[in-house]
Amino acid sequence: EKTSLFFRAKQFIPFQSILRIDIQKSKYKNTHGVDISEGFLYSIVYLTDGNSLIISPDSFENYSEIMDAIKTTIS
């Protein structure tokens, strides 16, 4: 279940609609291109309808549990 912050609309995303998950790492760099942080991992979930959803630990305090549930269900 995904809830929009602005409109408070709820969207249900069935696990069956997940095609794949890519894990990316975000790093912050200064103006000289030097890393200023370790960065963090986030997941991009690709759906059968062509949409994608970014799930990151910054947005979800239960990020690990969400990703474990998705990976268990789609594998």
PDB file of N, CA and C in Angstrom:
ATOM      1  N   GLU A   1       0.855  -1.172   0.000  1.00  0.00           N
ATOM      2  CA  GLU A   1       0.000   0.000   0.000  1.00  0.00           C
ATOM      3  C   GLU A   1       0.897   1.230   0.000  1.00  0.00           C
ATOM      4  N   LYS A   2       0.651   2.120  -0.932  1.00  0.00           N
ATOM      5  CA  LYS A   2       1.411   3.366  -1.041  1.00  0.00           C
ATOM      6  C   LYS A   2       0.435   4.511  -0.812  1.00  0.00           C
ATOM      7  N   THR A   3       0.781   5.432   0.091  1.00  0.00           N
ATOM      8  CA  THR A   3      -0.073   6.581   0.368  1.00  0.00           C
ATOM      9  C   THR A   3       0.625   7.852  -0.085  1.00  0.00           C
ATOM     10  N   SER A   4      -0.038   8.639  -0.907  1.00  0.00           N
ATOM     11  CA  SER A   4       0.508   9.900  -1.384  1.00  0.00           C
ATOM     12  C   SER A   4       0.509  10.921  -0.248  1.00  0.00           C
ATOM     13  N   LEU A   5       1.620  11.611  -0.085  1.00  0.00           N
ATOM     14  CA  LEU A   5       1.713  12.605   0.983  1.00  0.00           C
ATOM     15  C   LEU A   5       0.833  13.814   0.723  1.00  0.00           C
ATOM     16  N   PHE A   6       0.707  14.201  -0.542  1.00  0.00           N
ATOM     17  CA  PHE A   6      -0.030  15.415  -0.855  1.00  0.00           C
ATOM     18  C   PHE A   6      -1.533  15.202  -0.910  1.00  0.00           C
ATOM     19  N   PHE A   7      -1.960  14.110  -1.510  1.00  0.00           N
ATOM     20  CA  PHE A   7      -3.389  13.895  -1.718  1.00  0.00           C
ATOM     21  C   PHE A   7      -3.997  12.877  -0.767  1.00  0.00           C
ATOM     22  N   ARG A   8      -3.148  12.206   0.020  1.00  0.00           N
ATOM     23  CA  ARG A   8      -3.587  11.157   0.940  1.00  0.00           C
ATOM     24  C   ARG A   8      -4.320  10.026   0.232  1.00  0.00           C
ATOM     25  N   ALA A   9      -4.066   9.888  -1.075  1.00  0.00           N
ATOM     26  CA  ALA A   9      -4.675   8.806  -1.838  1.00  0.00           C
ATOM     27  C   ALA A   9      -3.874   7.531  -1.603  1.00  0.00           C
ATOM     28  N   LYS A  10      -4.583   6.424  -1.476  1.00  0.00           N
ATOM     29  CA  LYS A  10      -3.932   5.135  -1.269  1.00  0.00           C
ATOM     30  C   LYS A  10      -3.946   4.347  -2.568  1.00  0.00           C
ATOM     31  N   GLN A  11      -2.815   3.714  -2.842  1.00  0.00           N
ATOM     32  CA  GLN A  11      -2.686   2.881  -4.032  1.00  0.00           C
ATOM     33  C   GLN A  11      -2.185   1.512  -3.578  1.00  0.00           C
ATOM     34  N   PHE A  12      -2.850   0.469  -4.005  1.00  0.00           N
ATOM     35  CA  PHE A  12      -2.431  -0.881  -3.666  1.00  0.00           C
ATOM     36  C   PHE A  12      -1.621  -1.452  -4.822  1.00  0.00           C
ATOM     37  N   ILE A  13      -0.439  -1.941  -4.516  1.00  0.00           N
ATOM     38  CA  ILE A  13       0.442  -2.522  -5.527  1.00  0.00           C
ATOM     39  C   ILE A  13       0.615  -4.000  -5.191  1.00  0.00           C
ATOM     40  N   PRO A  14      -0.036  -4.875  -5.964  1.00  0.00           N
ATOM     41  CA  PRO A  14       0.096  -6.312  -5.687  1.00  0.00           C
ATOM     42  C   PRO A  14       1.517  -6.790  -5.983  1.00  0.00           C
ATOM     43  N   PHE A  15       2.011  -7.698  -5.168  1.00  0.00           N
ATOM     44  CA  PHE A  15       3.352  -8.231  -5.381  1.00  0.00           C
ATOM     45  C   PHE A  15       3.493  -8.858  -6.770  1.00  0.00           C
ATOM     46  N   GLN A  16       2.405  -9.414  -7.317  1.00  0.00           N
ATOM     47  CA  GLN A  16       2.451 -10.048  -8.626  1.00  0.00           C
ATOM     48  C   GLN A  16       2.773  -9.057  -9.741  1.00  0.00           C
ATOM     49  N   SER A  17       2.562  -7.761  -9.499  1.00  0.00           N
ATOM     50  CA  SER A  17       2.809  -6.758 -10.536  1.00  0.00           C
ATOM     51  C   SER A  17       4.263  -6.281 -10.547  1.00  0.00           C
ATOM     52  N   ILE A  18       5.120  -6.862  -9.711  1.00  0.00           N
ATOM     53  CA  ILE A  18       6.530  -6.465  -9.665  1.00  0.00           C
ATOM     54  C   ILE A  18       7.322  -7.317 -10.641  1.00  0.00           C
ATOM     55  N   LEU A  19       7.974  -6.644 -11.587  1.00  0.00           N
ATOM     56  CA  LEU A  19       8.807  -7.344 -12.565  1.00  0.00           C
ATOM     57  C   LEU A  19      10.197  -7.629 -12.005  1.00  0.00           C
ATOM     58  N   ARG A  20      10.828  -6.587 -11.483  1.00  0.00           N
ATOM     59  CA  ARG A  20      12.180  -6.733 -10.953  1.00  0.00           C
ATOM     60  C   ARG A  20      12.494  -5.583 -10.021  1.00  0.00           C
ATOM     61  N   ILE A  21      13.591  -5.733  -9.298  1.00  0.00           N
ATOM     62  CA  ILE A  21      14.059  -4.702  -8.369  1.00  0.00           C
ATOM     63  C   ILE A  21      15.521  -4.433  -8.673  1.00  0.00           C
ATOM     64  N   ASP A  22      15.875  -3.176  -8.840  1.00  0.00           N
ATOM     65  CA  ASP A  22      17.270  -2.768  -8.985  1.00  0.00           C
ATOM     66  C   ASP A  22      17.670  -2.012  -7.725  1.00  0.00           C
ATOM     67  N   ILE A  23      18.876  -2.287  -7.246  1.00  0.00           N
ATOM     68  CA  ILE A  23      19.385  -1.580  -6.081  1.00  0.00           C
ATOM     69  C   ILE A  23      20.447  -0.595  -6.554  1.00  0.00           C
ATOM     70  N   GLN A  24      20.305   0.643  -6.148  1.00  0.00           N
ATOM     71  CA  GLN A  24      21.223   1.715  -6.527  1.00  0.00           C
ATOM     72  C   GLN A  24      21.852   2.301  -5.271  1.00  0.00           C
ATOM     73  N   LYS A  25      22.958   2.998  -5.444  1.00  0.00           N
ATOM     74  CA  LYS A  25      23.581   3.687  -4.319  1.00  0.00           C
ATOM     75  C   LYS A  25      23.693   5.163  -4.662  1.00  0.00           C
ATOM     76  N   SER A  26      23.266   5.987  -3.744  1.00  0.00           N
ATOM     77  CA  SER A  26      23.332   7.429  -3.912  1.00  0.00           C
ATOM     78  C   SER A  26      24.498   7.961  -3.100  1.00  0.00           C
ATOM     79  N   LYS A  27      25.300   8.811  -3.710  1.00  0.00           N
ATOM     80  CA  LYS A  27      26.409   9.452  -2.995  1.00  0.00           C
ATOM     81  C   LYS A  27      26.317  10.951  -3.209  1.00  0.00           C
ATOM     82  N   TYR A  28      26.667  11.681  -2.194  1.00  0.00           N
ATOM     83  CA  TYR A  28      26.707  13.129  -2.305  1.00  0.00           C
ATOM     84  C   TYR A  28      28.139  13.568  -2.552  1.00  0.00           C
ATOM     85  N   LYS A  29      28.310  14.458  -3.533  1.00  0.00           N
ATOM     86  CA  LYS A  29      29.643  14.951  -3.875  1.00  0.00           C
ATOM     87  C   LYS A  29      29.669  16.474  -3.736  1.00  0.00           C
ATOM     88  N   ASN A  30      30.862  17.002  -3.456  1.00  0.00           N
ATOM     89  CA  ASN A  30      30.989  18.451  -3.409  1.00  0.00           C
ATOM     90  C   ASN A  30      31.205  18.987  -4.825  1.00  0.00           C
ATOM     91  N   THR A  31      31.410  20.272  -4.968  1.00  0.00           N
ATOM     92  CA  THR A  31      31.540  20.881  -6.292  1.00  0.00           C
ATOM     93  C   THR A  31      32.785  20.422  -7.039  1.00  0.00           C
ATOM     94  N   HIS A  32      33.737  19.820  -6.335  1.00  0.00           N
ATOM     95  CA  HIS A  32      34.958  19.314  -6.963  1.00  0.00           C
ATOM     96  C   HIS A  32      34.852  17.828  -7.302  1.00  0.00           C
ATOM     97  N   GLY A  33      33.696  17.221  -7.073  1.00  0.00           N
ATOM     98  CA  GLY A  33      33.484  15.825  -7.398  1.00  0.00           C
ATOM     99  C   GLY A  33      33.968  14.849  -6.346  1.00  0.00           C
ATOM    100  N   VAL A  34      34.317  15.353  -5.175  1.00  0.00           N
ATOM    101  CA  VAL A  34      34.790  14.496  -4.088  1.00  0.00           C
ATOM    102  C   VAL A  34      33.595  14.060  -3.236  1.00  0.00           C
ATOM    103  N   ASP A  35      33.537  12.751  -2.932  1.00  0.00           N
ATOM    104  CA  ASP A  35      32.451  12.239  -2.089  1.00  0.00           C
ATOM    105  C   ASP A  35      32.471  12.927  -0.730  1.00  0.00           C
ATOM    106  N   ILE A  36      31.304  13.397  -0.293  1.00  0.00           N
ATOM    107  CA  ILE A  36      31.209  14.011   1.037  1.00  0.00           C
ATOM    108  C   ILE A  36      30.371  13.173   1.988  1.00  0.00           C
ATOM    109  N   SER A  37      29.865  12.044   1.480  1.00  0.00           N
ATOM    110  CA  SER A  37      29.121  11.132   2.349  1.00  0.00           C
ATOM    111  C   SER A  37      29.282   9.715   1.831  1.00  0.00           C
ATOM    112  N   GLU A  38      28.988   8.768   2.699  1.00  0.00           N
ATOM    113  CA  GLU A  38      29.013   7.359   2.311  1.00  0.00           C
ATOM    114  C   GLU A  38      27.886   7.041   1.328  1.00  0.00           C
ATOM    115  N   GLY A  39      26.831   7.827   1.362  1.00  0.00           N
ATOM    116  CA  GLY A  39      25.669   7.569   0.534  1.00  0.00           C
ATOM    117  C   GLY A  39      24.746   6.558   1.185  1.00  0.00           C
ATOM    118  N   PHE A  40      23.745   6.149   0.448  1.00  0.00           N
ATOM    119  CA  PHE A  40      22.800   5.161   0.960  1.00  0.00           C
ATOM    120  C   PHE A  40      22.247   4.355  -0.203  1.00  0.00           C
ATOM    121  N   LEU A  41      21.789   3.162   0.094  1.00  0.00           N
ATOM    122  CA  LEU A  41      21.180   2.297  -0.906  1.00  0.00           C
ATOM    123  C   LEU A  41      19.680   2.582  -0.988  1.00  0.00           C
ATOM    124  N   TYR A  42      19.144   2.471  -2.175  1.00  0.00           N
ATOM    125  CA  TYR A  42      17.703   2.545  -2.362  1.00  0.00           C
ATOM    126  C   TYR A  42      17.318   1.562  -3.452  1.00  0.00           C
ATOM    127  N   SER A  43      16.062   1.222  -3.514  1.00  0.00           N
ATOM    128  CA  SER A  43      15.588   0.226  -4.465  1.00  0.00           C
ATOM    129  C   SER A  43      14.619   0.859  -5.449  1.00  0.00           C
ATOM    130  N   ILE A  44      14.752   0.461  -6.703  1.00  0.00           N
ATOM    131  CA  ILE A  44      13.790   0.860  -7.725  1.00  0.00           C
ATOM    132  C   ILE A  44      13.001  -0.389  -8.087  1.00  0.00           C
ATOM    133  N   VAL A  45      11.704  -0.321  -7.868  1.00  0.00           N
ATOM    134  CA  VAL A  45      10.812  -1.451  -8.139  1.00  0.00           C
ATOM    135  C   VAL A  45      10.113  -1.174  -9.465  1.00  0.00           C
ATOM    136  N   TYR A  46      10.313  -2.066 -10.436  1.00  0.00           N
ATOM    137  CA  TYR A  46       9.702  -1.928 -11.752  1.00  0.00           C
ATOM    138  C   TYR A  46       8.436  -2.775 -11.807  1.00  0.00           C
ATOM    139  N   LEU A  47       7.349  -2.153 -12.285  1.00  0.00           N
ATOM    140  CA  LEU A  47       6.031  -2.798 -12.291  1.00  0.00           C
ATOM    141  C   LEU A  47       5.612  -3.196 -13.701  1.00  0.00           C
ATOM    142  N   THR A  48       4.683  -4.131 -13.779  1.00  0.00           N
ATOM    143  CA  THR A  48       4.217  -4.642 -15.074  1.00  0.00           C
ATOM    144  C   THR A  48       3.500  -3.579 -15.906  1.00  0.00           C
ATOM    145  N   ASP A  49       2.974  -2.540 -15.271  1.00  0.00           N
ATOM    146  CA  ASP A  49       2.259  -1.497 -16.020  1.00  0.00           C
ATOM    147  C   ASP A  49       3.197  -0.430 -16.586  1.00  0.00           C
ATOM    148  N   GLY A  50       4.526  -0.642 -16.440  1.00  0.00           N
ATOM    149  CA  GLY A  50       5.498   0.309 -16.982  1.00  0.00           C
ATOM    150  C   GLY A  50       5.947   1.363 -15.984  1.00  0.00           C
ATOM    151  N   ASN A  51       5.290   1.444 -14.851  1.00  0.00           N
ATOM    152  CA  ASN A  51       5.676   2.405 -13.824  1.00  0.00           C
ATOM    153  C   ASN A  51       6.793   1.845 -12.952  1.00  0.00           C
ATOM    154  N   SER A  52       7.420   2.722 -12.198  1.00  0.00           N
ATOM    155  CA  SER A  52       8.427   2.286 -11.233  1.00  0.00           C
ATOM    156  C   SER A  52       8.205   3.040  -9.933  1.00  0.00           C
ATOM    157  N   LEU A  53       8.749   2.497  -8.887  1.00  0.00           N
ATOM    158  CA  LEU A  53       8.568   3.050  -7.550  1.00  0.00           C
ATOM    159  C   LEU A  53       9.909   3.010  -6.842  1.00  0.00           C
ATOM    160  N   ILE A  54      10.316   4.125  -6.257  1.00  0.00           N
ATOM    161  CA  ILE A  54      11.563   4.165  -5.501  1.00  0.00           C
ATOM    162  C   ILE A  54      11.243   3.958  -4.026  1.00  0.00           C
ATOM    163  N   ILE A  55      11.925   2.984  -3.441  1.00  0.00           N
ATOM    164  CA  ILE A  55      11.756   2.703  -2.011  1.00  0.00           C
ATOM    165  C   ILE A  55      13.116   2.928  -1.376  1.00  0.00           C
ATOM    166  N   SER A  56      13.189   3.908  -0.471  1.00  0.00           N
ATOM    167  CA  SER A  56      14.474   4.228   0.149  1.00  0.00           C
ATOM    168  C   SER A  56      14.342   4.256   1.662  1.00  0.00           C
ATOM    169  N   PRO A  57      15.460   4.039   2.355  1.00  0.00           N
ATOM    170  CA  PRO A  57      15.426   4.090   3.817  1.00  0.00           C
ATOM    171  C   PRO A  57      15.106   5.486   4.344  1.00  0.00           C
ATOM    172  N   ASP A  58      15.303   6.510   3.518  1.00  0.00           N
ATOM    173  CA  ASP A  58      14.946   7.870   3.935  1.00  0.00           C
ATOM    174  C   ASP A  58      13.442   8.062   4.023  1.00  0.00           C
ATOM    175  N   SER A  59      12.717   7.333   3.188  1.00  0.00           N
ATOM    176  CA  SER A  59      11.263   7.491   3.140  1.00  0.00           C
ATOM    177  C   SER A  59      10.507   6.477   3.981  1.00  0.00           C
ATOM    178  N   PHE A  60      11.141   5.331   4.250  1.00  0.00           N
ATOM    179  CA  PHE A  60      10.468   4.256   4.970  1.00  0.00           C
ATOM    180  C   PHE A  60      11.337   3.779   6.123  1.00  0.00           C
ATOM    181  N   GLU A  61      10.876   3.951   7.335  1.00  0.00           N
ATOM    182  CA  GLU A  61      11.664   3.489   8.487  1.00  0.00           C
ATOM    183  C   GLU A  61      11.725   1.965   8.541  1.00  0.00           C
ATOM    184  N   ASN A  62      10.790   1.297   7.872  1.00  0.00           N
ATOM    185  CA  ASN A  62      10.782  -0.161   7.820  1.00  0.00           C
ATOM    186  C   ASN A  62      11.258  -0.663   6.447  1.00  0.00           C
ATOM    187  N   TYR A  63      12.196   0.054   5.845  1.00  0.00           N
ATOM    188  CA  TYR A  63      12.731  -0.268   4.516  1.00  0.00           C
ATOM    189  C   TYR A  63      13.166  -1.729   4.413  1.00  0.00           C
ATOM    190  N   SER A  64      13.940  -2.211   5.370  1.00  0.00           N
ATOM    191  CA  SER A  64      14.450  -3.586   5.319  1.00  0.00           C
ATOM    192  C   SER A  64      13.316  -4.600   5.316  1.00  0.00           C
ATOM    193  N   GLU A  65      12.321  -4.379   6.149  1.00  0.00           N
ATOM    194  CA  GLU A  65      11.193  -5.304   6.212  1.00  0.00           C
ATOM    195  C   GLU A  65      10.397  -5.295   4.905  1.00  0.00           C
ATOM    196  N   ILE A  66      10.211  -4.117   4.319  1.00  0.00           N
ATOM    197  CA  ILE A  66       9.488  -4.017   3.048  1.00  0.00           C
ATOM    198  C   ILE A  66      10.234  -4.790   1.969  1.00  0.00           C
ATOM    199  N   MET A  67      11.535  -4.563   1.860  1.00  0.00           N
ATOM    200  CA  MET A  67      12.318  -5.226   0.823  1.00  0.00           C
ATOM    201  C   MET A  67      12.388  -6.743   1.044  1.00  0.00           C
ATOM    202  N   ASP A  68      12.497  -7.166   2.289  1.00  0.00           N
ATOM    203  CA  ASP A  68      12.498  -8.609   2.584  1.00  0.00           C
ATOM    204  C   ASP A  68      11.179  -9.248   2.167  1.00  0.00           C
ATOM    205  N   ALA A  69      10.066  -8.580   2.462  1.00  0.00           N
ATOM    206  CA  ALA A  69       8.749  -9.116   2.105  1.00  0.00           C
ATOM    207  C   ALA A  69       8.601  -9.204   0.583  1.00  0.00           C
ATOM    208  N   ILE A  70       9.039  -8.182  -0.125  1.00  0.00           N
ATOM    209  CA  ILE A  70       8.941  -8.193  -1.591  1.00  0.00           C
ATOM    210  C   ILE A  70       9.805  -9.299  -2.174  1.00  0.00           C
ATOM    211  N   LYS A  71      11.049  -9.385  -1.718  1.00  0.00           N
ATOM    212  CA  LYS A  71      11.972 -10.391  -2.264  1.00  0.00           C
ATOM    213  C   LYS A  71      11.493 -11.815  -1.969  1.00  0.00           C
ATOM    214  N   THR A  72      10.935 -12.035  -0.795  1.00  0.00           N
ATOM    215  CA  THR A  72      10.414 -13.352  -0.445  1.00  0.00           C
ATOM    216  C   THR A  72       9.224 -13.724  -1.323  1.00  0.00           C
ATOM    217  N   THR A  73       8.394 -12.764  -1.619  1.00  0.00           N
ATOM    218  CA  THR A  73       7.182 -13.021  -2.376  1.00  0.00           C
ATOM    219  C   THR A  73       7.446 -13.225  -3.866  1.00  0.00           C
ATOM    220  N   ILE A  74       8.368 -12.464  -4.438  1.00  0.00           N
ATOM    221  CA  ILE A  74       8.557 -12.545  -5.895  1.00  0.00           C
ATOM    222  C   ILE A  74       9.600 -13.573  -6.321  1.00  0.00           C
ATOM    223  N   SER A  75      10.318 -14.162  -5.359  1.00  0.00           N
ATOM    224  CA  SER A  75      11.329 -15.144  -5.764  1.00  0.00           C
ATOM    225  C   SER A  75      10.795 -16.547  -5.810  1.00  0.00           C
TER     226      SER A  75
END
